[in-house]
Amino acid sequence: MFHVSGQIDILCQEFKNISIKVLPHKTSTSALAILIEKHNRIFLFCDKIEKLFSFIALMQVVWNTFIICSLGFIIIIVSTALNVL
């Protein structure tokens, strides 16, 4: 997440300095197109990170549910085994 934040800060600085940074052989349109393309790549990267974190959160919920159910099963088995003895 820090990487995305840093990339957004860099992109904002480039947008602020676009008039200074435009080289004589480049037009401002091509410089804007490059910055827009960078923005789109950052946006797609954020979407991929969001999907990954959502998947990780889902796996944690499923795994924790499995562990809780397994512990409950073990407790029931142990308590019935102690009552039999």
N, C-alpha and C. Protein backbone atom coordinates (compact mmCIF):
# COMPACT_ATOMS: atom_id res chain seq x y z
N MET A 1 0.81 -1.18 0.00
CA MET A 1 0.00 0.00 0.00
C MET A 1 0.86 1.26 0.00
N PHE A 2 2.02 1.17 0.67
CA PHE A 2 2.91 2.33 0.67
C PHE A 2 3.43 2.60 -0.74
N HIS A 3 3.64 1.54 -1.51
CA HIS A 3 4.12 1.71 -2.88
C HIS A 3 3.09 2.48 -3.71
N VAL A 4 1.83 2.11 -3.57
CA VAL A 4 0.77 2.78 -4.33
C VAL A 4 0.69 4.25 -3.91
N SER A 5 0.76 4.49 -2.61
CA SER A 5 0.72 5.87 -2.12
C SER A 5 1.88 6.69 -2.68
N GLY A 6 3.06 6.11 -2.70
CA GLY A 6 4.21 6.80 -3.26
C GLY A 6 4.05 7.08 -4.75
N GLN A 7 3.50 6.10 -5.48
CA GLN A 7 3.28 6.28 -6.91
C GLN A 7 2.27 7.39 -7.17
N ILE A 8 1.24 7.47 -6.35
CA ILE A 8 0.23 8.53 -6.51
C ILE A 8 0.85 9.89 -6.22
N ASP A 9 1.70 9.97 -5.19
CA ASP A 9 2.38 11.24 -4.90
C ASP A 9 3.28 11.66 -6.05
N ILE A 10 4.01 10.72 -6.62
CA ILE A 10 4.88 11.02 -7.77
C ILE A 10 4.05 11.51 -8.94
N LEU A 11 2.92 10.83 -9.19
CA LEU A 11 2.06 11.22 -10.30
C LEU A 11 1.49 12.63 -10.09
N CYS A 12 1.11 12.95 -8.85
CA CYS A 12 0.61 14.31 -8.57
C CYS A 12 1.69 15.35 -8.82
N GLN A 13 2.92 15.07 -8.42
CA GLN A 13 4.01 16.01 -8.67
C GLN A 13 4.25 16.18 -10.17
N GLU A 14 4.14 15.09 -10.91
CA GLU A 14 4.34 15.19 -12.36
C GLU A 14 3.24 16.01 -13.01
N PHE A 15 2.01 15.86 -12.52
CA PHE A 15 0.92 16.69 -13.06
C PHE A 15 1.15 18.16 -12.74
N LYS A 16 1.66 18.45 -11.54
CA LYS A 16 1.93 19.84 -11.17
C LYS A 16 3.04 20.45 -12.02
N ASN A 17 4.03 19.64 -12.36
CA ASN A 17 5.20 20.15 -13.08
C ASN A 17 5.13 19.88 -14.58
N ILE A 18 3.97 19.58 -15.10
CA ILE A 18 3.88 19.19 -16.52
C ILE A 18 4.30 20.33 -17.45
N SER A 19 3.97 21.54 -17.13
CA SER A 19 4.33 22.65 -18.03
C SER A 19 5.83 22.90 -18.02
N ILE A 20 6.48 22.65 -16.90
CA ILE A 20 7.92 22.84 -16.81
C ILE A 20 8.66 21.67 -17.46
N LYS A 21 8.08 20.48 -17.33
CA LYS A 21 8.76 19.26 -17.73
C LYS A 21 8.64 18.94 -19.22
N VAL A 22 7.70 19.56 -19.91
CA VAL A 22 7.50 19.25 -21.32
C VAL A 22 8.74 19.63 -22.11
N LEU A 23 9.28 18.65 -22.78
CA LEU A 23 10.49 18.87 -23.57
C LEU A 23 10.13 19.50 -24.91
N PRO A 24 11.09 20.15 -25.55
CA PRO A 24 10.79 20.82 -26.82
C PRO A 24 10.30 19.86 -27.91
N HIS A 25 10.77 18.63 -27.92
CA HIS A 25 10.36 17.70 -28.98
C HIS A 25 9.08 16.96 -28.63
N LYS A 26 8.55 17.15 -27.43
CA LYS A 26 7.28 16.51 -27.04
C LYS A 26 6.21 17.58 -26.92
N THR A 27 5.02 17.20 -27.26
CA THR A 27 3.91 18.13 -27.07
C THR A 27 3.31 17.87 -25.70
N SER A 28 2.56 18.83 -25.21
CA SER A 28 1.92 18.65 -23.91
C SER A 28 0.88 17.53 -23.97
N THR A 29 0.34 17.28 -25.15
CA THR A 29 -0.65 16.20 -25.30
C THR A 29 0.00 14.85 -25.06
N SER A 30 1.20 14.64 -25.60
CA SER A 30 1.86 13.35 -25.39
C SER A 30 2.30 13.19 -23.94
N ALA A 31 2.69 14.29 -23.31
CA ALA A 31 3.06 14.22 -21.89
C ALA A 31 1.84 13.89 -21.05
N LEU A 32 0.70 14.50 -21.37
CA LEU A 32 -0.53 14.18 -20.66
C LEU A 32 -0.94 12.73 -20.90
N ALA A 33 -0.76 12.25 -22.11
CA ALA A 33 -1.11 10.86 -22.42
C ALA A 33 -0.26 9.91 -21.59
N ILE A 34 1.01 10.21 -21.42
CA ILE A 34 1.89 9.37 -20.61
C ILE A 34 1.43 9.37 -19.16
N LEU A 35 1.08 10.55 -18.64
CA LEU A 35 0.62 10.64 -17.26
C LEU A 35 -0.71 9.93 -17.06
N ILE A 36 -1.59 10.01 -18.03
CA ILE A 36 -2.87 9.31 -17.94
C ILE A 36 -2.65 7.81 -17.97
N GLU A 37 -1.72 7.35 -18.79
CA GLU A 37 -1.39 5.92 -18.83
C GLU A 37 -0.83 5.45 -17.49
N LYS A 38 0.04 6.27 -16.87
CA LYS A 38 0.55 5.93 -15.54
C LYS A 38 -0.59 5.85 -14.53
N HIS A 39 -1.51 6.80 -14.61
CA HIS A 39 -2.67 6.79 -13.71
C HIS A 39 -3.48 5.51 -13.88
N ASN A 40 -3.70 5.10 -15.12
CA ASN A 40 -4.47 3.88 -15.38
C ASN A 40 -3.75 2.65 -14.83
N ARG A 41 -2.41 2.60 -14.96
CA ARG A 41 -1.66 1.46 -14.42
C ARG A 41 -1.73 1.42 -12.90
N ILE A 42 -1.66 2.59 -12.26
CA ILE A 42 -1.78 2.64 -10.80
C ILE A 42 -3.17 2.17 -10.38
N PHE A 43 -4.19 2.60 -11.10
CA PHE A 43 -5.57 2.21 -10.80
C PHE A 43 -5.75 0.70 -10.93
N LEU A 44 -5.21 0.11 -11.99
CA LEU A 44 -5.31 -1.35 -12.17
C LEU A 44 -4.55 -2.09 -11.08
N PHE A 45 -3.40 -1.55 -10.69
CA PHE A 45 -2.62 -2.16 -9.61
C PHE A 45 -3.41 -2.14 -8.30
N CYS A 46 -4.09 -1.04 -8.03
CA CYS A 46 -4.93 -0.94 -6.82
C CYS A 46 -6.06 -1.97 -6.86
N ASP A 47 -6.66 -2.17 -8.03
CA ASP A 47 -7.71 -3.18 -8.15
C ASP A 47 -7.18 -4.58 -7.87
N LYS A 48 -5.98 -4.87 -8.37
CA LYS A 48 -5.39 -6.19 -8.14
C LYS A 48 -5.08 -6.39 -6.65
N ILE A 49 -4.58 -5.35 -5.99
CA ILE A 49 -4.29 -5.44 -4.56
C ILE A 49 -5.58 -5.66 -3.78
N GLU A 50 -6.64 -4.95 -4.16
CA GLU A 50 -7.92 -5.11 -3.47
C GLU A 50 -8.45 -6.53 -3.61
N LYS A 51 -8.36 -7.10 -4.81
CA LYS A 51 -8.82 -8.47 -5.02
C LYS A 51 -7.99 -9.46 -4.20
N LEU A 52 -6.68 -9.24 -4.15
CA LEU A 52 -5.81 -10.12 -3.38
C LEU A 52 -6.13 -10.05 -1.90
N PHE A 53 -6.29 -8.83 -1.36
CA PHE A 53 -6.60 -8.69 0.06
C PHE A 53 -7.97 -9.28 0.38
N SER A 54 -8.93 -9.14 -0.52
CA SER A 54 -10.25 -9.73 -0.31
C SER A 54 -10.16 -11.25 -0.27
N PHE A 55 -9.37 -11.82 -1.16
CA PHE A 55 -9.19 -13.27 -1.17
C PHE A 55 -8.51 -13.74 0.11
N ILE A 56 -7.49 -13.01 0.56
CA ILE A 56 -6.78 -13.37 1.79
C ILE A 56 -7.74 -13.30 2.98
N ALA A 57 -8.57 -12.26 3.05
CA ALA A 57 -9.54 -12.14 4.14
C ALA A 57 -10.54 -13.29 4.12
N LEU A 58 -11.00 -13.66 2.93
CA LEU A 58 -11.93 -14.78 2.80
C LEU A 58 -11.28 -16.08 3.28
N MET A 59 -10.03 -16.31 2.90
CA MET A 59 -9.34 -17.52 3.33
C MET A 59 -9.14 -17.54 4.84
N GLN A 60 -8.90 -16.39 5.44
CA GLN A 60 -8.76 -16.34 6.90
C GLN A 60 -10.08 -16.67 7.58
N VAL A 61 -11.19 -16.17 7.06
CA VAL A 61 -12.50 -16.49 7.64
C VAL A 61 -12.79 -17.98 7.51
N VAL A 62 -12.54 -18.55 6.34
CA VAL A 62 -12.79 -19.98 6.13
C VAL A 62 -11.89 -20.81 7.05
N TRP A 63 -10.62 -20.46 7.13
CA TRP A 63 -9.69 -21.22 7.96
C TRP A 63 -10.05 -21.12 9.44
N ASN A 64 -10.39 -19.91 9.91
CA ASN A 64 -10.77 -19.74 11.31
C ASN A 64 -12.06 -20.50 11.64
N THR A 65 -13.01 -20.52 10.71
CA THR A 65 -14.23 -21.29 10.90
C THR A 65 -13.91 -22.77 11.02
N PHE A 66 -13.04 -23.26 10.17
CA PHE A 66 -12.62 -24.66 10.22
C PHE A 66 -11.96 -24.99 11.56
N ILE A 67 -11.10 -24.13 12.03
CA ILE A 67 -10.41 -24.35 13.30
C ILE A 67 -11.41 -24.37 14.46
N ILE A 68 -12.34 -23.42 14.48
CA ILE A 68 -13.34 -23.36 15.55
C ILE A 68 -14.21 -24.62 15.54
N CYS A 69 -14.63 -25.05 14.37
CA CYS A 69 -15.44 -26.27 14.27
C CYS A 69 -14.64 -27.49 14.72
N SER A 70 -13.37 -27.56 14.33
CA SER A 70 -12.53 -28.69 14.73
C SER A 70 -12.33 -28.71 16.25
N LEU A 71 -12.10 -27.55 16.84
CA LEU A 71 -11.94 -27.49 18.30
C LEU A 71 -13.23 -27.89 19.01
N GLY A 72 -14.36 -27.46 18.50
CA GLY A 72 -15.64 -27.86 19.07
C GLY A 72 -15.85 -29.35 18.99
N PHE A 73 -15.51 -29.94 17.86
CA PHE A 73 -15.63 -31.39 17.68
C PHE A 73 -14.73 -32.13 18.67
N ILE A 74 -13.51 -31.66 18.83
CA ILE A 74 -12.57 -32.31 19.76
C ILE A 74 -13.07 -32.19 21.20
N ILE A 75 -13.60 -31.03 21.56
CA ILE A 75 -14.13 -30.85 22.91
C ILE A 75 -15.31 -31.79 23.17
N ILE A 76 -16.19 -31.93 22.20
CA ILE A 76 -17.33 -32.85 22.35
C ILE A 76 -16.85 -34.30 22.46
N ILE A 77 -15.90 -34.69 21.63
CA ILE A 77 -15.37 -36.06 21.68
C ILE A 77 -14.72 -36.32 23.03
N VAL A 78 -13.93 -35.39 23.52
CA VAL A 78 -13.24 -35.57 24.80
C VAL A 78 -14.24 -35.63 25.95
N SER A 79 -15.24 -34.75 25.91
CA SER A 79 -16.21 -34.74 27.01
C SER A 79 -17.05 -36.03 27.01
N THR A 80 -17.40 -36.56 25.85
CA THR A 80 -18.14 -37.83 25.82
C THR A 80 -17.25 -38.99 26.22
N ALA A 81 -15.97 -38.93 25.88
CA ALA A 81 -15.05 -39.98 26.27
C ALA A 81 -14.85 -39.99 27.77
N LEU A 82 -14.81 -38.83 28.40
CA LEU A 82 -14.65 -38.76 29.86
C LEU A 82 -15.90 -39.25 30.58
N ASN A 83 -17.09 -39.00 29.98
CA ASN A 83 -18.33 -39.46 30.59
C ASN A 83 -18.48 -40.97 30.50
N VAL A 84 -17.91 -41.58 29.48
CA VAL A 84 -17.97 -43.04 29.32
C VAL A 84 -17.12 -43.71 30.37
N LEU A 85 -15.96 -43.14 30.67
CA LEU A 85 -15.07 -43.76 31.65
C LEU A 85 -15.65 -43.55 33.02
